[in-house]
C-alpha atoms as a PDB file:
ATOM      1  CA  UNK A   1     -18.763   1.486 -16.655  1.00  0.00           C
ATOM      2  CA  UNK A   2     -15.989   4.033 -16.464  1.00  0.00           C
ATOM      3  CA  UNK A   3     -16.245   4.955 -12.869  1.00  0.00           C
ATOM      4  CA  UNK A   4     -13.347   7.215 -11.775  1.00  0.00           C
ATOM      5  CA  UNK A   5     -10.858   5.089  -9.841  1.00  0.00           C
ATOM      6  CA  UNK A   6     -10.273   5.897  -6.224  1.00  0.00           C
ATOM      7  CA  UNK A   7      -7.120   7.711  -5.308  1.00  0.00           C
ATOM      8  CA  UNK A   8      -4.953   6.362  -2.486  1.00  0.00           C
ATOM      9  CA  UNK A   9      -2.126   8.218  -0.821  1.00  0.00           C
ATOM     10  CA  UNK A  10       0.599   5.741   0.209  1.00  0.00           C
ATOM     11  CA  UNK A  11       2.958   6.942   2.929  1.00  0.00           C
ATOM     12  CA  UNK A  12       5.861   4.592   3.544  1.00  0.00           C
ATOM     13  CA  UNK A  13       9.495   5.440   4.377  1.00  0.00           C
ATOM     14  CA  UNK A  14      10.951   2.202   2.970  1.00  0.00           C
ATOM     15  CA  UNK A  15      11.189   2.821  -0.780  1.00  0.00           C
ATOM     16  CA  UNK A  16      11.018  -0.915  -1.698  1.00  0.00           C
ATOM     17  CA  UNK A  17       7.918  -1.563   0.419  1.00  0.00           C
ATOM     18  CA  UNK A  18       6.361   1.644  -0.939  1.00  0.00           C
ATOM     19  CA  UNK A  19       7.046   0.579  -4.504  1.00  0.00           C
ATOM     20  CA  UNK A  20       5.510  -2.868  -3.906  1.00  0.00           C
ATOM     21  CA  UNK A  21       2.335  -1.422  -2.329  1.00  0.00           C
ATOM     22  CA  UNK A  22       2.050   1.181  -5.153  1.00  0.00           C
ATOM     23  CA  UNK A  23       2.466  -1.571  -7.786  1.00  0.00           C
ATOM     24  CA  UNK A  24      -0.222  -3.718  -6.197  1.00  0.00           C
ATOM     25  CA  UNK A  25      -2.687  -0.827  -5.840  1.00  0.00           C
ATOM     26  CA  UNK A  26      -2.055   0.279  -9.437  1.00  0.00           C
ATOM     27  CA  UNK A  27      -2.579  -3.265 -10.584  1.00  0.00           C
ATOM     28  CA  UNK A  28      -5.948  -3.181  -8.775  1.00  0.00           C
ATOM     29  CA  UNK A  29      -6.668  -0.017 -10.869  1.00  0.00           C
ATOM     30  CA  UNK A  30      -6.444   2.632  -8.152  1.00  0.00           C
ATOM     31  CA  UNK A  31      -4.794   6.000  -8.737  1.00  0.00           C
ATOM     32  CA  UNK A  32      -1.877   6.181  -6.337  1.00  0.00           C
ATOM     33  CA  UNK A  33       0.056   9.108  -4.876  1.00  0.00           C
ATOM     34  CA  UNK A  34       3.247   8.436  -2.933  1.00  0.00           C
ATOM     35  CA  UNK A  35       4.975  10.139   0.009  1.00  0.00           C
ATOM     36  CA  UNK A  36       8.118   8.955   1.830  1.00  0.00           C
ATOM     37  CA  UNK A  37       7.285  10.640   5.089  1.00  0.00           C
ATOM     38  CA  UNK A  38       4.665  12.604   7.048  1.00  0.00           C
ATOM     39  CA  UNK A  39       5.836  16.005   5.808  1.00  0.00           C
ATOM     40  CA  UNK A  40       5.636  14.961   2.139  1.00  0.00           C
ATOM     41  CA  UNK A  41       2.194  13.439   2.833  1.00  0.00           C
ATOM     42  CA  UNK A  42       0.882  16.622   4.476  1.00  0.00           C
ATOM     43  CA  UNK A  43       2.128  18.659   1.466  1.00  0.00           C
ATOM     44  CA  UNK A  44       0.062  16.432  -0.831  1.00  0.00           C
ATOM     45  CA  UNK A  45      -2.951  16.501   1.460  1.00  0.00           C
ATOM     46  CA  UNK A  46      -2.833  20.348   1.699  1.00  0.00           C
ATOM     47  CA  UNK A  47      -3.447  20.538  -2.089  1.00  0.00           C
ATOM     48  CA  UNK A  48      -7.253  20.449  -1.973  1.00  0.00           C
ATOM     49  CA  UNK A  49      -7.353  20.171  -5.736  1.00  0.00           C
ATOM     50  CA  UNK A  50      -6.120  16.587  -5.418  1.00  0.00           C
ATOM     51  CA  UNK A  51      -8.934  14.143  -4.639  1.00  0.00           C
ATOM     52  CA  UNK A  52      -7.769  11.562  -2.084  1.00  0.00           C
ATOM     53  CA  UNK A  53     -10.088   8.785  -1.133  1.00  0.00           C
ATOM     54  CA  UNK A  54      -7.862   6.995   1.401  1.00  0.00           C
ATOM     55  CA  UNK A  55      -4.509   7.441   3.051  1.00  0.00           C
ATOM     56  CA  UNK A  56      -2.528   4.238   3.714  1.00  0.00           C
ATOM     57  CA  UNK A  57       0.376   4.986   6.025  1.00  0.00           C
ATOM     58  CA  UNK A  58       3.081   2.983   7.744  1.00  0.00           C
ATOM     59  CA  UNK A  59       2.673   3.381  11.449  1.00  0.00           C
ATOM     60  CA  UNK A  60       6.400   3.481  12.159  1.00  0.00           C
ATOM     61  CA  UNK A  61       7.467   6.505  10.146  1.00  0.00           C
ATOM     62  CA  UNK A  62      10.513   8.539  11.074  1.00  0.00           C
ATOM     63  CA  UNK A  63      10.130  11.993  12.773  1.00  0.00           C
ATOM     64  CA  UNK A  64       6.327  11.840  12.730  1.00  0.00           C
ATOM     65  CA  UNK A  65       4.667   8.506  13.354  1.00  0.00           C
ATOM     66  CA  UNK A  66       1.611   7.335  11.368  1.00  0.00           C
ATOM     67  CA  UNK A  67      -0.779   8.254  14.229  1.00  0.00           C
ATOM     68  CA  UNK A  68       0.500  11.844  14.425  1.00  0.00           C
ATOM     69  CA  UNK A  69       0.297  12.040  10.606  1.00  0.00           C
ATOM     70  CA  UNK A  70      -3.289  10.711  10.708  1.00  0.00           C
ATOM     71  CA  UNK A  71      -4.259  13.409  13.284  1.00  0.00           C
ATOM     72  CA  UNK A  72      -2.709  16.165  11.214  1.00  0.00           C
ATOM     73  CA  UNK A  73      -4.221  14.762   8.019  1.00  0.00           C
ATOM     74  CA  UNK A  74      -7.681  14.796   9.528  1.00  0.00           C
ATOM     75  CA  UNK A  75      -7.233  18.549  10.271  1.00  0.00           C
ATOM     76  CA  UNK A  76      -6.742  19.122   6.594  1.00  0.00           C
ATOM     77  CA  UNK A  77      -9.353  16.545   5.393  1.00  0.00           C
ATOM     78  CA  UNK A  78     -11.707  15.680   8.273  1.00  0.00           C
ATOM     79  CA  UNK A  79     -13.461  12.831   6.485  1.00  0.00           C
ATOM     80  CA  UNK A  80     -10.348  11.106   5.106  1.00  0.00           C
ATOM     81  CA  UNK A  81     -10.300   7.311   5.672  1.00  0.00           C
ATOM     82  CA  UNK A  82      -7.047   6.144   7.198  1.00  0.00           C
ATOM     83  CA  UNK A  83      -5.403   2.726   6.935  1.00  0.00           C
ATOM     84  CA  UNK A  84      -2.366   2.004   9.106  1.00  0.00           C
ATOM     85  CA  UNK A  85       0.033  -0.689   7.997  1.00  0.00           C
ATOM     86  CA  UNK A  86       2.215  -2.102  10.749  1.00  0.00           C
ATOM     87  CA  UNK A  87       4.230  -5.181  11.641  1.00  0.00           C
ATOM     88  CA  UNK A  88       2.963  -4.607  15.160  1.00  0.00           C
ATOM     89  CA  UNK A  89      -0.747  -4.302  14.274  1.00  0.00           C
ATOM     90  CA  UNK A  90      -1.941  -5.925  17.471  1.00  0.00           C
ATOM     91  CA  UNK A  91       0.000  -3.389  19.567  1.00  0.00           C
ATOM     92  CA  UNK A  92      -1.551  -0.348  17.895  1.00  0.00           C
ATOM     93  CA  UNK A  93      -4.592   1.383  19.373  1.00  0.00           C
ATOM     94  CA  UNK A  94      -6.331   2.990  16.348  1.00  0.00           C
ATOM     95  CA  UNK A  95      -9.398   5.037  16.841  1.00  0.00           C
ATOM     96  CA  UNK A  96     -12.638   3.328  15.826  1.00  0.00           C
ATOM     97  CA  UNK A  97     -12.820   5.307  12.584  1.00  0.00           C
ATOM     98  CA  UNK A  98      -9.338   4.252  11.502  1.00  0.00           C
ATOM     99  CA  UNK A  99      -8.235   0.894  10.122  1.00  0.00           C
ATOM    100  CA  UNK A 100      -5.162  -1.352  10.492  1.00  0.00           C
ATOM    101  CA  UNK A 101      -3.633  -4.005   8.291  1.00  0.00           C
ATOM    102  CA  UNK A 102      -0.776  -6.110   9.679  1.00  0.00           C
ATOM    103  CA  UNK A 103       2.501  -6.448   7.812  1.00  0.00           C
ATOM    104  CA  UNK A 104       3.305  -8.587   6.007  1.00  0.00           C
ATOM    105  CA  UNK A 105       0.013  -8.744   4.124  1.00  0.00           C
ATOM    106  CA  UNK A 106      -0.987 -10.522   0.993  1.00  0.00           C
ATOM    107  CA  UNK A 107      -2.183  -8.844  -2.152  1.00  0.00           C
ATOM    108  CA  UNK A 108      -5.715 -10.265  -1.460  1.00  0.00           C
ATOM    109  CA  UNK A 109      -5.715  -8.973   2.083  1.00  0.00           C
ATOM    110  CA  UNK A 110      -4.679  -5.474   0.888  1.00  0.00           C
ATOM    111  CA  UNK A 111      -7.321  -5.490  -1.849  1.00  0.00           C
ATOM    112  CA  UNK A 112     -10.088  -6.666   0.421  1.00  0.00           C
ATOM    113  CA  UNK A 113      -9.179  -4.173   3.215  1.00  0.00           C
ATOM    114  CA  UNK A 114      -8.981  -1.223   0.790  1.00  0.00           C
ATOM    115  CA  UNK A 115     -12.223  -2.141  -0.925  1.00  0.00           C
ATOM    116  CA  UNK A 116     -14.059  -2.472   2.340  1.00  0.00           C
ATOM    117  CA  UNK A 117     -12.851   0.923   3.548  1.00  0.00           C
ATOM    118  CA  UNK A 118     -13.756   2.646   0.385  1.00  0.00           C
ATOM    119  CA  UNK A 119     -17.221   1.066   0.394  1.00  0.00           C
ATOM    120  CA  UNK A 120     -17.844   2.083   4.027  1.00  0.00           C
ATOM    121  CA  UNK A 121     -15.729   5.276   4.639  1.00  0.00           C
END
């Protein structure tokens, strides 16, 4: 029963929020990579030796917003599932193959959303 845990790249510019999300995902037994902005995330994504099963990104990132990051991430990894986190979830138009979770979210909401995305990429 030792399936390899999924790896999630968390992109969040607020270090406290990022730390909380990482803690929750690690508690749920995911491998977690962290990036504080789009440039750092793209650097991680460019390393094709790193398996990444999901990118969870804040929509309101500085310099490059989450949507721009998602578009650039998909150029590097075309099948990468994307989960946007936003306090303005209802105002975001995400493509049908990308997902959104509204902030604030509970641990259960995050767990359920991530598991449903990883089951149905």
